[in-house]
Amino acid sequence: MNPNYAAKVKEKIHKVLRIGFIRPVKRSTWLSPIVNVLKKNGQSRVCVDYRKLNAATVMDAFPLPFMDKVLDAVADYECYNFLDGFSGYNQIRMHTDDQEKAVGKPVLSNGN
């Protein structure tokens, strides 16, 4: 990794370790590389390149619906719940059996 970014990446990884979004993994049969992506505002975002994992994944027969269809379906309800975009996918628990495939990606330590 570029030495200019290595310290920032290490800092971000330690942060998500401290707050429990990821946990150390001793061994895994899956490995995806970490990449550092610069955002428009100059900050960096630590990402994982999952192209090889995606190629080996069986596609879901029930993809997520379009947002306009979801909003039409819930229009008559008086209470809604939304995920906070600040933490993104870290709010969604990953099934324990799938955690080994996400080495390098934040994995909830209490995921099911």
PDB file of N, CA and C in Angstrom:
ATOM      1  N   MET A   1       0.851  -1.176   0.000  1.00  0.00           N
ATOM      2  CA  MET A   1       0.000   0.000   0.000  1.00  0.00           C
ATOM      3  C   MET A   1       0.895   1.238   0.000  1.00  0.00           C
ATOM      4  N   ASN A   2       0.429   2.274  -0.643  1.00  0.00           N
ATOM      5  CA  ASN A   2       1.141   3.539  -0.690  1.00  0.00           C
ATOM      6  C   ASN A   2       1.399   4.020   0.742  1.00  0.00           C
ATOM      7  N   PRO A   3       2.656   4.283   1.085  1.00  0.00           N
ATOM      8  CA  PRO A   3       2.977   4.711   2.453  1.00  0.00           C
ATOM      9  C   PRO A   3       2.252   5.994   2.878  1.00  0.00           C
ATOM     10  N   ASN A   4       1.900   6.843   1.912  1.00  0.00           N
ATOM     11  CA  ASN A   4       1.181   8.075   2.249  1.00  0.00           C
ATOM     12  C   ASN A   4      -0.204   7.789   2.822  1.00  0.00           C
ATOM     13  N   TYR A   5      -0.788   6.661   2.453  1.00  0.00           N
ATOM     14  CA  TYR A   5      -2.137   6.324   2.903  1.00  0.00           C
ATOM     15  C   TYR A   5      -2.160   5.254   3.986  1.00  0.00           C
ATOM     16  N   ALA A   6      -1.056   4.523   4.158  1.00  0.00           N
ATOM     17  CA  ALA A   6      -1.029   3.384   5.079  1.00  0.00           C
ATOM     18  C   ALA A   6      -1.418   3.781   6.504  1.00  0.00           C
ATOM     19  N   ALA A   7      -0.920   4.902   6.996  1.00  0.00           N
ATOM     20  CA  ALA A   7      -1.232   5.329   8.370  1.00  0.00           C
ATOM     21  C   ALA A   7      -2.715   5.655   8.515  1.00  0.00           C
ATOM     22  N   LYS A   8      -3.300   6.319   7.500  1.00  0.00           N
ATOM     23  CA  LYS A   8      -4.735   6.648   7.554  1.00  0.00           C
ATOM     24  C   LYS A   8      -5.589   5.392   7.529  1.00  0.00           C
ATOM     25  N   VAL A   9      -5.207   4.440   6.690  1.00  0.00           N
ATOM     26  CA  VAL A   9      -5.956   3.183   6.610  1.00  0.00           C
ATOM     27  C   VAL A   9      -5.862   2.436   7.930  1.00  0.00           C
ATOM     28  N   LYS A  10      -4.669   2.369   8.496  1.00  0.00           N
ATOM     29  CA  LYS A  10      -4.479   1.689   9.780  1.00  0.00           C
ATOM     30  C   LYS A  10      -5.323   2.346  10.867  1.00  0.00           C
ATOM     31  N   GLU A  11      -5.367   3.672  10.876  1.00  0.00           N
ATOM     32  CA  GLU A  11      -6.171   4.401  11.861  1.00  0.00           C
ATOM     33  C   GLU A  11      -7.666   4.074  11.715  1.00  0.00           C
ATOM     34  N   LYS A  12      -8.146   4.039  10.473  1.00  0.00           N
ATOM     35  CA  LYS A  12      -9.570   3.729  10.251  1.00  0.00           C
ATOM     36  C   LYS A  12      -9.897   2.299  10.654  1.00  0.00           C
ATOM     37  N   ILE A  13      -8.989   1.377  10.386  1.00  0.00           N
ATOM     38  CA  ILE A  13      -9.212  -0.019  10.772  1.00  0.00           C
ATOM     39  C   ILE A  13      -9.243  -0.146  12.294  1.00  0.00           C
ATOM     40  N   HIS A  14      -8.330   0.518  12.994  1.00  0.00           N
ATOM     41  CA  HIS A  14      -8.333   0.473  14.458  1.00  0.00           C
ATOM     42  C   HIS A  14      -9.607   1.092  15.029  1.00  0.00           C
ATOM     43  N   LYS A  15     -10.124   2.119  14.378  1.00  0.00           N
ATOM     44  CA  LYS A  15     -11.361   2.753  14.846  1.00  0.00           C
ATOM     45  C   LYS A  15     -12.530   1.770  14.788  1.00  0.00           C
ATOM     46  N   VAL A  16     -12.705   1.087  13.651  1.00  0.00           N
ATOM     47  CA  VAL A  16     -13.831   0.151  13.554  1.00  0.00           C
ATOM     48  C   VAL A  16     -13.617  -1.091  14.408  1.00  0.00           C
ATOM     49  N   LEU A  17     -12.362  -1.434  14.698  1.00  0.00           N
ATOM     50  CA  LEU A  17     -12.091  -2.507  15.668  1.00  0.00           C
ATOM     51  C   LEU A  17     -12.554  -2.098  17.057  1.00  0.00           C
ATOM     52  N   ARG A  18     -12.189  -0.862  17.470  1.00  0.00           N
ATOM     53  CA  ARG A  18     -12.546  -0.368  18.812  1.00  0.00           C
ATOM     54  C   ARG A  18     -14.056  -0.320  19.023  1.00  0.00           C
ATOM     55  N   ILE A  19     -14.795   0.100  18.014  1.00  0.00           N
ATOM     56  CA  ILE A  19     -16.242   0.246  18.198  1.00  0.00           C
ATOM     57  C   ILE A  19     -17.009  -1.039  17.915  1.00  0.00           C
ATOM     58  N   GLY A  20     -16.307  -2.102  17.537  1.00  0.00           N
ATOM     59  CA  GLY A  20     -16.944  -3.407  17.403  1.00  0.00           C
ATOM     60  C   GLY A  20     -17.553  -3.716  16.056  1.00  0.00           C
ATOM     61  N   PHE A  21     -17.271  -2.916  15.024  1.00  0.00           N
ATOM     62  CA  PHE A  21     -17.812  -3.211  13.693  1.00  0.00           C
ATOM     63  C   PHE A  21     -17.080  -4.370  13.038  1.00  0.00           C
ATOM     64  N   ILE A  22     -15.811  -4.563  13.381  1.00  0.00           N
ATOM     65  CA  ILE A  22     -15.051  -5.684  12.855  1.00  0.00           C
ATOM     66  C   ILE A  22     -14.376  -6.400  14.005  1.00  0.00           C
ATOM     67  N   ARG A  23     -13.883  -7.589  13.708  1.00  0.00           N
ATOM     68  CA  ARG A  23     -13.148  -8.363  14.703  1.00  0.00           C
ATOM     69  C   ARG A  23     -11.995  -9.063  13.992  1.00  0.00           C
ATOM     70  N   PRO A  24     -10.934  -9.375  14.718  1.00  0.00           N
ATOM     71  CA  PRO A  24      -9.798 -10.077  14.096  1.00  0.00           C
ATOM     72  C   PRO A  24     -10.196 -11.473  13.624  1.00  0.00           C
ATOM     73  N   VAL A  25      -9.629 -11.896  12.511  1.00  0.00           N
ATOM     74  CA  VAL A  25      -9.856 -13.232  11.967  1.00  0.00           C
ATOM     75  C   VAL A  25      -8.489 -13.887  11.793  1.00  0.00           C
ATOM     76  N   LYS A  26      -8.320 -15.070  12.386  1.00  0.00           N
ATOM     77  CA  LYS A  26      -7.025 -15.739  12.307  1.00  0.00           C
ATOM     78  C   LYS A  26      -6.810 -16.387  10.947  1.00  0.00           C
ATOM     79  N   ARG A  27      -7.830 -17.060  10.432  1.00  0.00           N
ATOM     80  CA  ARG A  27      -7.712 -17.759   9.154  1.00  0.00           C
ATOM     81  C   ARG A  27      -9.014 -17.653   8.389  1.00  0.00           C
ATOM     82  N   SER A  28      -8.887 -17.606   7.079  1.00  0.00           N
ATOM     83  CA  SER A  28     -10.066 -17.592   6.222  1.00  0.00           C
ATOM     84  C   SER A  28      -9.693 -18.161   4.868  1.00  0.00           C
ATOM     85  N   THR A  29     -10.627 -18.833   4.235  1.00  0.00           N
ATOM     86  CA  THR A  29     -10.393 -19.339   2.879  1.00  0.00           C
ATOM     87  C   THR A  29     -10.692 -18.261   1.844  1.00  0.00           C
ATOM     88  N   TRP A  30     -11.252 -17.141   2.281  1.00  0.00           N
ATOM     89  CA  TRP A  30     -11.578 -16.028   1.395  1.00  0.00           C
ATOM     90  C   TRP A  30     -10.701 -14.836   1.739  1.00  0.00           C
ATOM     91  N   LEU A  31     -10.297 -14.093   0.729  1.00  0.00           N
ATOM     92  CA  LEU A  31      -9.498 -12.900   0.963  1.00  0.00           C
ATOM     93  C   LEU A  31      -9.804 -11.885  -0.127  1.00  0.00           C
ATOM     94  N   SER A  32     -10.111 -10.667   0.271  1.00  0.00           N
ATOM     95  CA  SER A  32     -10.372  -9.576  -0.668  1.00  0.00           C
ATOM     96  C   SER A  32      -9.475  -8.406  -0.289  1.00  0.00           C
ATOM     97  N   PRO A  33      -8.847  -7.774  -1.274  1.00  0.00           N
ATOM     98  CA  PRO A  33      -7.906  -6.693  -0.968  1.00  0.00           C
ATOM     99  C   PRO A  33      -8.580  -5.412  -0.488  1.00  0.00           C
ATOM    100  N   ILE A  34      -7.928  -4.731   0.423  1.00  0.00           N
ATOM    101  CA  ILE A  34      -8.372  -3.418   0.898  1.00  0.00           C
ATOM    102  C   ILE A  34      -7.846  -2.372  -0.073  1.00  0.00           C
ATOM    103  N   VAL A  35      -8.680  -1.424  -0.419  1.00  0.00           N
ATOM    104  CA  VAL A  35      -8.255  -0.322  -1.281  1.00  0.00           C
ATOM    105  C   VAL A  35      -8.633   0.997  -0.620  1.00  0.00           C
ATOM    106  N   ASN A  36      -7.803   1.994  -0.824  1.00  0.00           N
ATOM    107  CA  ASN A  36      -8.062   3.317  -0.284  1.00  0.00           C
ATOM    108  C   ASN A  36      -8.593   4.184  -1.422  1.00  0.00           C
ATOM    109  N   VAL A  37      -9.782   4.761  -1.238  1.00  0.00           N
ATOM    110  CA  VAL A  37     -10.410   5.576  -2.269  1.00  0.00           C
ATOM    111  C   VAL A  37     -10.501   7.010  -1.771  1.00  0.00           C
ATOM    112  N   LEU A  38     -10.000   7.933  -2.567  1.00  0.00           N
ATOM    113  CA  LEU A  38     -10.089   9.344  -2.201  1.00  0.00           C
ATOM    114  C   LEU A  38     -11.443   9.902  -2.610  1.00  0.00           C
ATOM    115  N   LYS A  39     -12.117  10.560  -1.650  1.00  0.00           N
ATOM    116  CA  LYS A  39     -13.406  11.200  -1.932  1.00  0.00           C
ATOM    117  C   LYS A  39     -13.161  12.587  -2.520  1.00  0.00           C
ATOM    118  N   LYS A  40     -14.207  13.182  -3.075  1.00  0.00           N
ATOM    119  CA  LYS A  40     -14.094  14.501  -3.701  1.00  0.00           C
ATOM    120  C   LYS A  40     -13.609  15.569  -2.730  1.00  0.00           C
ATOM    121  N   ASN A  41     -13.946  15.407  -1.446  1.00  0.00           N
ATOM    122  CA  ASN A  41     -13.541  16.406  -0.450  1.00  0.00           C
ATOM    123  C   ASN A  41     -12.112  16.195   0.057  1.00  0.00           C
ATOM    124  N   GLY A  42     -11.374  15.243  -0.513  1.00  0.00           N
ATOM    125  CA  GLY A  42      -9.993  15.007  -0.133  1.00  0.00           C
ATOM    126  C   GLY A  42      -9.803  13.959   0.948  1.00  0.00           C
ATOM    127  N   GLN A  43     -10.878  13.584   1.633  1.00  0.00           N
ATOM    128  CA  GLN A  43     -10.780  12.545   2.653  1.00  0.00           C
ATOM    129  C   GLN A  43     -10.669  11.180   1.981  1.00  0.00           C
ATOM    130  N   SER A  44     -10.224  10.207   2.744  1.00  0.00           N
ATOM    131  CA  SER A  44     -10.104   8.865   2.182  1.00  0.00           C
ATOM    132  C   SER A  44     -11.160   7.947   2.771  1.00  0.00           C
ATOM    133  N   ARG A  45     -11.503   6.939   2.005  1.00  0.00           N
ATOM    134  CA  ARG A  45     -12.471   5.919   2.440  1.00  0.00           C
ATOM    135  C   ARG A  45     -11.814   4.562   2.223  1.00  0.00           C
ATOM    136  N   VAL A  46     -11.803   3.742   3.249  1.00  0.00           N
ATOM    137  CA  VAL A  46     -11.252   2.405   3.140  1.00  0.00           C
ATOM    138  C   VAL A  46     -12.357   1.498   2.597  1.00  0.00           C
ATOM    139  N   CYS A  47     -12.075   0.858   1.475  1.00  0.00           N
ATOM    140  CA  CYS A  47     -13.044  -0.016   0.805  1.00  0.00           C
ATOM    141  C   CYS A  47     -12.412  -1.389   0.592  1.00  0.00           C
ATOM    142  N   VAL A  48     -13.225  -2.319   0.170  1.00  0.00           N
ATOM    143  CA  VAL A  48     -12.755  -3.664  -0.128  1.00  0.00           C
ATOM    144  C   VAL A  48     -13.176  -4.004  -1.544  1.00  0.00           C
ATOM    145  N   ASP A  49     -12.282  -4.604  -2.304  1.00  0.00           N
ATOM    146  CA  ASP A  49     -12.564  -5.010  -3.678  1.00  0.00           C
ATOM    147  C   ASP A  49     -13.150  -6.421  -3.660  1.00  0.00           C
ATOM    148  N   TYR A  50     -14.461  -6.509  -3.832  1.00  0.00           N
ATOM    149  CA  TYR A  50     -15.161  -7.796  -3.756  1.00  0.00           C
ATOM    150  C   TYR A  50     -15.497  -8.373  -5.118  1.00  0.00           C
ATOM    151  N   ARG A  51     -14.796  -7.980  -6.171  1.00  0.00           N
ATOM    152  CA  ARG A  51     -15.138  -8.479  -7.508  1.00  0.00           C
ATOM    153  C   ARG A  51     -15.018  -9.997  -7.613  1.00  0.00           C
ATOM    154  N   LYS A  52     -13.968 -10.589  -7.061  1.00  0.00           N
ATOM    155  CA  LYS A  52     -13.815 -12.047  -7.144  1.00  0.00           C
ATOM    156  C   LYS A  52     -14.866 -12.764  -6.297  1.00  0.00           C
ATOM    157  N   LEU A  53     -15.171 -12.238  -5.113  1.00  0.00           N
ATOM    158  CA  LEU A  53     -16.228 -12.828  -4.289  1.00  0.00           C
ATOM    159  C   LEU A  53     -17.577 -12.708  -4.991  1.00  0.00           C
ATOM    160  N   ASN A  54     -17.850 -11.556  -5.580  1.00  0.00           N
ATOM    161  CA  ASN A  54     -19.107 -11.374  -6.309  1.00  0.00           C
ATOM    162  C   ASN A  54     -19.234 -12.353  -7.472  1.00  0.00           C
ATOM    163  N   ALA A  55     -18.120 -12.623  -8.156  1.00  0.00           N
ATOM    164  CA  ALA A  55     -18.146 -13.564  -9.281  1.00  0.00           C
ATOM    165  C   ALA A  55     -18.469 -14.984  -8.817  1.00  0.00           C
ATOM    166  N   ALA A  56     -18.109 -15.327  -7.572  1.00  0.00           N
ATOM    167  CA  ALA A  56     -18.360 -16.663  -7.033  1.00  0.00           C
ATOM    168  C   ALA A  56     -19.696 -16.771  -6.301  1.00  0.00           C
ATOM    169  N   THR A  57     -20.427 -15.668  -6.210  1.00  0.00           N
ATOM    170  CA  THR A  57     -21.672 -15.627  -5.456  1.00  0.00           C
ATOM    171  C   THR A  57     -22.870 -15.946  -6.343  1.00  0.00           C
ATOM    172  N   VAL A  58     -23.776 -16.776  -5.823  1.00  0.00           N
ATOM    173  CA  VAL A  58     -25.024 -17.063  -6.524  1.00  0.00           C
ATOM    174  C   VAL A  58     -25.927 -15.853  -6.352  1.00  0.00           C
ATOM    175  N   MET A  59     -26.451 -15.346  -7.456  1.00  0.00           N
ATOM    176  CA  MET A  59     -27.290 -14.147  -7.406  1.00  0.00           C
ATOM    177  C   MET A  59     -28.609 -14.429  -6.690  1.00  0.00           C
ATOM    178  N   ASP A  60     -29.078 -13.450  -5.941  1.00  0.00           N
ATOM    179  CA  ASP A  60     -30.336 -13.536  -5.204  1.00  0.00           C
ATOM    180  C   ASP A  60     -31.505 -13.518  -6.182  1.00  0.00           C
ATOM    181  N   ALA A  61     -32.422 -14.460  -6.015  1.00  0.00           N
ATOM    182  CA  ALA A  61     -33.590 -14.517  -6.892  1.00  0.00           C
ATOM    183  C   ALA A  61     -34.595 -13.414  -6.568  1.00  0.00           C
ATOM    184  N   PHE A  62     -34.416 -12.756  -5.427  1.00  0.00           N
ATOM    185  CA  PHE A  62     -35.328 -11.712  -5.000  1.00  0.00           C
ATOM    186  C   PHE A  62     -34.544 -10.431  -4.742  1.00  0.00           C
ATOM    187  N   PRO A  63     -34.203  -9.684  -5.788  1.00  0.00           N
ATOM    188  CA  PRO A  63     -33.427  -8.453  -5.587  1.00  0.00           C
ATOM    189  C   PRO A  63     -34.235  -7.396  -4.845  1.00  0.00           C
ATOM    190  N   LEU A  64     -33.534  -6.401  -4.301  1.00  0.00           N
ATOM    191  CA  LEU A  64     -34.219  -5.308  -3.610  1.00  0.00           C
ATOM    192  C   LEU A  64     -35.115  -4.551  -4.581  1.00  0.00           C
ATOM    193  N   PRO A  65     -36.296  -4.159  -4.140  1.00  0.00           N
ATOM    194  CA  PRO A  65     -37.201  -3.416  -5.022  1.00  0.00           C
ATOM    195  C   PRO A  65     -36.742  -1.970  -5.204  1.00  0.00           C
ATOM    196  N   PHE A  66     -37.263  -1.325  -6.227  1.00  0.00           N
ATOM    197  CA  PHE A  66     -36.978   0.086  -6.432  1.00  0.00           C
ATOM    198  C   PHE A  66     -37.638   0.904  -5.326  1.00  0.00           C
ATOM    199  N   MET A  67     -37.006   2.002  -4.939  1.00  0.00           N
ATOM    200  CA  MET A  67     -37.481   2.806  -3.814  1.00  0.00           C
ATOM    201  C   MET A  67     -38.900   3.318  -4.046  1.00  0.00           C
ATOM    202  N   ASP A  68     -39.277   3.701  -5.268  1.00  0.00           N
ATOM    203  CA  ASP A  68     -40.628   4.210  -5.499  1.00  0.00           C
ATOM    204  C   ASP A  68     -41.677   3.128  -5.236  1.00  0.00           C
ATOM    205  N   LYS A  69     -41.346   1.865  -5.506  1.00  0.00           N
ATOM    206  CA  LYS A  69     -42.271   0.757  -5.217  1.00  0.00           C
ATOM    207  C   LYS A  69     -42.425   0.573  -3.705  1.00  0.00           C
ATOM    208  N   VAL A  70     -41.325   0.699  -2.974  1.00  0.00           N
ATOM    209  CA  VAL A  70     -41.367   0.568  -1.516  1.00  0.00           C
ATOM    210  C   VAL A  70     -42.220   1.688  -0.924  1.00  0.00           C
ATOM    211  N   LEU A  71     -42.001   2.913  -1.361  1.00  0.00           N
ATOM    212  CA  LEU A  71     -42.752   4.052  -0.827  1.00  0.00           C
ATOM    213  C   LEU A  71     -44.244   3.938  -1.135  1.00  0.00           C
ATOM    214  N   ASP A  72     -44.587   3.442  -2.320  1.00  0.00           N
ATOM    215  CA  ASP A  72     -45.992   3.219  -2.652  1.00  0.00           C
ATOM    216  C   ASP A  72     -46.619   2.178  -1.719  1.00  0.00           C
ATOM    217  N   ALA A  73     -45.858   1.135  -1.391  1.00  0.00           N
ATOM    218  CA  ALA A  73     -46.380   0.048  -0.559  1.00  0.00           C
ATOM    219  C   ALA A  73     -46.593   0.466   0.893  1.00  0.00           C
ATOM    220  N   VAL A  74     -45.847   1.458   1.387  1.00  0.00           N
ATOM    221  CA  VAL A  74     -45.949   1.852   2.793  1.00  0.00           C
ATOM    222  C   VAL A  74     -46.651   3.198   2.982  1.00  0.00           C
ATOM    223  N   ALA A  75     -47.235   3.716   1.937  1.00  0.00           N
ATOM    224  CA  ALA A  75     -47.802   5.069   1.969  1.00  0.00           C
ATOM    225  C   ALA A  75     -48.876   5.267   3.036  1.00  0.00           C
ATOM    226  N   ASP A  76     -49.637   4.247   3.375  1.00  0.00           N
ATOM    227  CA  ASP A  76     -50.746   4.407   4.314  1.00  0.00           C
ATOM    228  C   ASP A  76     -50.370   4.164   5.775  1.00  0.00           C
ATOM    229  N   TYR A  77     -49.110   3.855   6.042  1.00  0.00           N
ATOM    230  CA  TYR A  77     -48.691   3.607   7.420  1.00  0.00           C
ATOM    231  C   TYR A  77     -48.317   4.912   8.103  1.00  0.00           C
ATOM    232  N   GLU A  78     -48.471   4.954   9.432  1.00  0.00           N
ATOM    233  CA  GLU A  78     -48.173   6.189  10.153  1.00  0.00           C
ATOM    234  C   GLU A  78     -46.797   6.189  10.807  1.00  0.00           C
ATOM    235  N   CYS A  79     -46.091   5.061  10.800  1.00  0.00           N
ATOM    236  CA  CYS A  79     -44.785   4.983  11.435  1.00  0.00           C
ATOM    237  C   CYS A  79     -43.795   4.308  10.478  1.00  0.00           C
ATOM    238  N   TYR A  80     -42.605   4.896  10.353  1.00  0.00           N
ATOM    239  CA  TYR A  80     -41.569   4.375   9.466  1.00  0.00           C
ATOM    240  C   TYR A  80     -40.266   4.251  10.226  1.00  0.00           C
ATOM    241  N   ASN A  81     -39.381   3.400   9.742  1.00  0.00           N
ATOM    242  CA  ASN A  81     -38.063   3.233  10.330  1.00  0.00           C
ATOM    243  C   ASN A  81     -37.038   3.229   9.210  1.00  0.00           C
ATOM    244  N   PHE A  82     -35.986   4.026   9.348  1.00  0.00           N
ATOM    245  CA  PHE A  82     -34.958   4.115   8.328  1.00  0.00           C
ATOM    246  C   PHE A  82     -33.596   3.839   8.944  1.00  0.00           C
ATOM    247  N   LEU A  83     -32.684   3.306   8.142  1.00  0.00           N
ATOM    248  CA  LEU A  83     -31.301   3.141   8.593  1.00  0.00           C
ATOM    249  C   LEU A  83     -30.596   4.483   8.512  1.00  0.00           C
ATOM    250  N   ASP A  84     -29.738   4.726   9.445  1.00  0.00           N
ATOM    251  CA  ASP A  84     -28.924   5.933   9.444  1.00  0.00           C
ATOM    252  C   ASP A  84     -27.785   5.739   8.456  1.00  0.00           C
ATOM    253  N   GLY A  85     -27.695   6.575   7.431  1.00  0.00           N
ATOM    254  CA  GLY A  85     -26.678   6.433   6.407  1.00  0.00           C
ATOM    255  C   GLY A  85     -25.267   6.695   6.891  1.00  0.00           C
ATOM    256  N   PHE A  86     -25.109   7.268   8.079  1.00  0.00           N
ATOM    257  CA  PHE A  86     -23.777   7.588   8.589  1.00  0.00           C
ATOM    258  C   PHE A  86     -22.922   6.332   8.746  1.00  0.00           C
ATOM    259  N   SER A  87     -23.514   5.282   9.284  1.00  0.00           N
ATOM    260  CA  SER A  87     -22.754   4.058   9.503  1.00  0.00           C
ATOM    261  C   SER A  87     -22.928   3.055   8.377  1.00  0.00           C
ATOM    262  N   GLY A  88     -23.815   3.317   7.452  1.00  0.00           N
ATOM    263  CA  GLY A  88     -23.991   2.462   6.284  1.00  0.00           C
ATOM    264  C   GLY A  88     -24.264   1.017   6.630  1.00  0.00           C
ATOM    265  N   TYR A  89     -23.562   0.113   5.939  1.00  0.00           N
ATOM    266  CA  TYR A  89     -23.841  -1.311   6.099  1.00  0.00           C
ATOM    267  C   TYR A  89     -23.428  -1.856   7.450  1.00  0.00           C
ATOM    268  N   ASN A  90     -22.737  -1.096   8.264  1.00  0.00           N
ATOM    269  CA  ASN A  90     -22.332  -1.588   9.573  1.00  0.00           C
ATOM    270  C   ASN A  90     -23.517  -1.777  10.506  1.00  0.00           C
ATOM    271  N   GLN A  91     -24.692  -1.328  10.125  1.00  0.00           N
ATOM    272  CA  GLN A  91     -25.876  -1.502  10.959  1.00  0.00           C
ATOM    273  C   GLN A  91     -26.608  -2.803  10.651  1.00  0.00           C
ATOM    274  N   ILE A  92     -26.239  -3.463   9.577  1.00  0.00           N
ATOM    275  CA  ILE A  92     -26.931  -4.674   9.158  1.00  0.00           C
ATOM    276  C   ILE A  92     -26.087  -5.879   9.559  1.00  0.00           C
ATOM    277  N   ARG A  93     -26.662  -6.766  10.331  1.00  0.00           N
ATOM    278  CA  ARG A  93     -25.911  -7.924  10.798  1.00  0.00           C
ATOM    279  C   ARG A  93     -25.649  -8.896   9.647  1.00  0.00           C
ATOM    280  N   MET A  94     -24.451  -9.440   9.657  1.00  0.00           N
ATOM    281  CA  MET A  94     -24.065 -10.424   8.660  1.00  0.00           C
ATOM    282  C   MET A  94     -24.202 -11.805   9.281  1.00  0.00           C
ATOM    283  N   HIS A  95     -24.745 -12.738   8.520  1.00  0.00           N
ATOM    284  CA  HIS A  95     -24.905 -14.096   9.016  1.00  0.00           C
ATOM    285  C   HIS A  95     -23.539 -14.666   9.371  1.00  0.00           C
ATOM    286  N   THR A  96     -23.462 -15.372  10.483  1.00  0.00           N
ATOM    287  CA  THR A  96     -22.205 -15.915  10.981  1.00  0.00           C
ATOM    288  C   THR A  96     -21.496 -16.773   9.929  1.00  0.00           C
ATOM    289  N   ASP A  97     -22.246 -17.580   9.179  1.00  0.00           N
ATOM    290  CA  ASP A  97     -21.653 -18.448   8.153  1.00  0.00           C
ATOM    291  C   ASP A  97     -20.989 -17.657   7.036  1.00  0.00           C
ATOM    292  N   ASP A  98     -21.404 -16.409   6.829  1.00  0.00           N
ATOM    293  CA  ASP A  98     -20.873 -15.606   5.736  1.00  0.00           C
ATOM    294  C   ASP A  98     -19.736 -14.681   6.161  1.00  0.00           C
ATOM    295  N   GLN A  99     -19.468 -14.587   7.440  1.00  0.00           N
ATOM    296  CA  GLN A  99     -18.447 -13.660   7.915  1.00  0.00           C
ATOM    297  C   GLN A  99     -17.065 -13.984   7.383  1.00  0.00           C
ATOM    298  N   GLU A 100     -16.744 -15.270   7.220  1.00  0.00           N
ATOM    299  CA  GLU A 100     -15.406 -15.619   6.742  1.00  0.00           C
ATOM    300  C   GLU A 100     -15.156 -15.119   5.331  1.00  0.00           C
ATOM    301  N   LYS A 101     -16.201 -14.908   4.551  1.00  0.00           N
ATOM    302  CA  LYS A 101     -16.043 -14.424   3.182  1.00  0.00           C
ATOM    303  C   LYS A 101     -15.754 -12.932   3.136  1.00  0.00           C
ATOM    304  N   ALA A 102     -15.986 -12.254   4.235  1.00  0.00           N
ATOM    305  CA  ALA A 102     -15.849 -10.796   4.263  1.00  0.00           C
ATOM    306  C   ALA A 102     -14.595 -10.346   4.992  1.00  0.00           C
ATOM    307  N   VAL A 103     -13.554 -11.141   4.971  1.00  0.00           N
ATOM    308  CA  VAL A 103     -12.301 -10.743   5.604  1.00  0.00           C
ATOM    309  C   VAL A 103     -11.854  -9.430   4.986  1.00  0.00           C
ATOM    310  N   GLY A 104     -11.574  -8.453   5.832  1.00  0.00           N
ATOM    311  CA  GLY A 104     -11.170  -7.145   5.344  1.00  0.00           C
ATOM    312  C   GLY A 104     -12.317  -6.162   5.359  1.00  0.00           C
ATOM    313  N   LYS A 105     -13.532  -6.656   5.287  1.00  0.00           N
ATOM    314  CA  LYS A 105     -14.703  -5.790   5.348  1.00  0.00           C
ATOM    315  C   LYS A 105     -15.199  -5.780   6.782  1.00  0.00           C
ATOM    316  N   PRO A 106     -15.702  -4.648   7.275  1.00  0.00           N
ATOM    317  CA  PRO A 106     -16.247  -4.655   8.630  1.00  0.00           C
ATOM    318  C   PRO A 106     -17.301  -5.731   8.819  1.00  0.00           C
ATOM    319  N   VAL A 107     -17.139  -6.528   9.859  1.00  0.00           N
ATOM    320  CA  VAL A 107     -18.056  -7.600  10.187  1.00  0.00           C
ATOM    321  C   VAL A 107     -18.523  -7.395  11.613  1.00  0.00           C
ATOM    322  N   LEU A 108     -19.818  -7.337  11.831  1.00  0.00           N
ATOM    323  CA  LEU A 108     -20.326  -7.161  13.181  1.00  0.00           C
ATOM    324  C   LEU A 108     -19.953  -8.366  14.030  1.00  0.00           C
ATOM    325  N   SER A 109     -19.429  -8.100  15.208  1.00  0.00           N
ATOM    326  CA  SER A 109     -18.984  -9.174  16.069  1.00  0.00           C
ATOM    327  C   SER A 109     -20.156  -9.969  16.633  1.00  0.00           C
ATOM    328  N   ASN A 110     -21.344  -9.387  16.642  1.00  0.00           N
ATOM    329  CA  ASN A 110     -22.511 -10.108  17.156  1.00  0.00           C
ATOM    330  C   ASN A 110     -23.456 -10.468  16.029  1.00  0.00           C
ATOM    331  N   GLY A 111     -22.960 -10.535  14.791  1.00  0.00           N
ATOM    332  CA  GLY A 111     -23.806 -10.771  13.619  1.00  0.00           C
ATOM    333  C   GLY A 111     -24.392 -12.159  13.574  1.00  0.00           C
ATOM    334  N   ASN A 112     -25.615 -12.228  13.043  1.00  0.00           N
ATOM    335  CA  ASN A 112     -26.301 -13.502  12.834  1.00  0.00           C
ATOM    336  C   ASN A 112     -26.643 -13.614  11.387  1.00  0.00           C
TER     337      ASN A 112
END
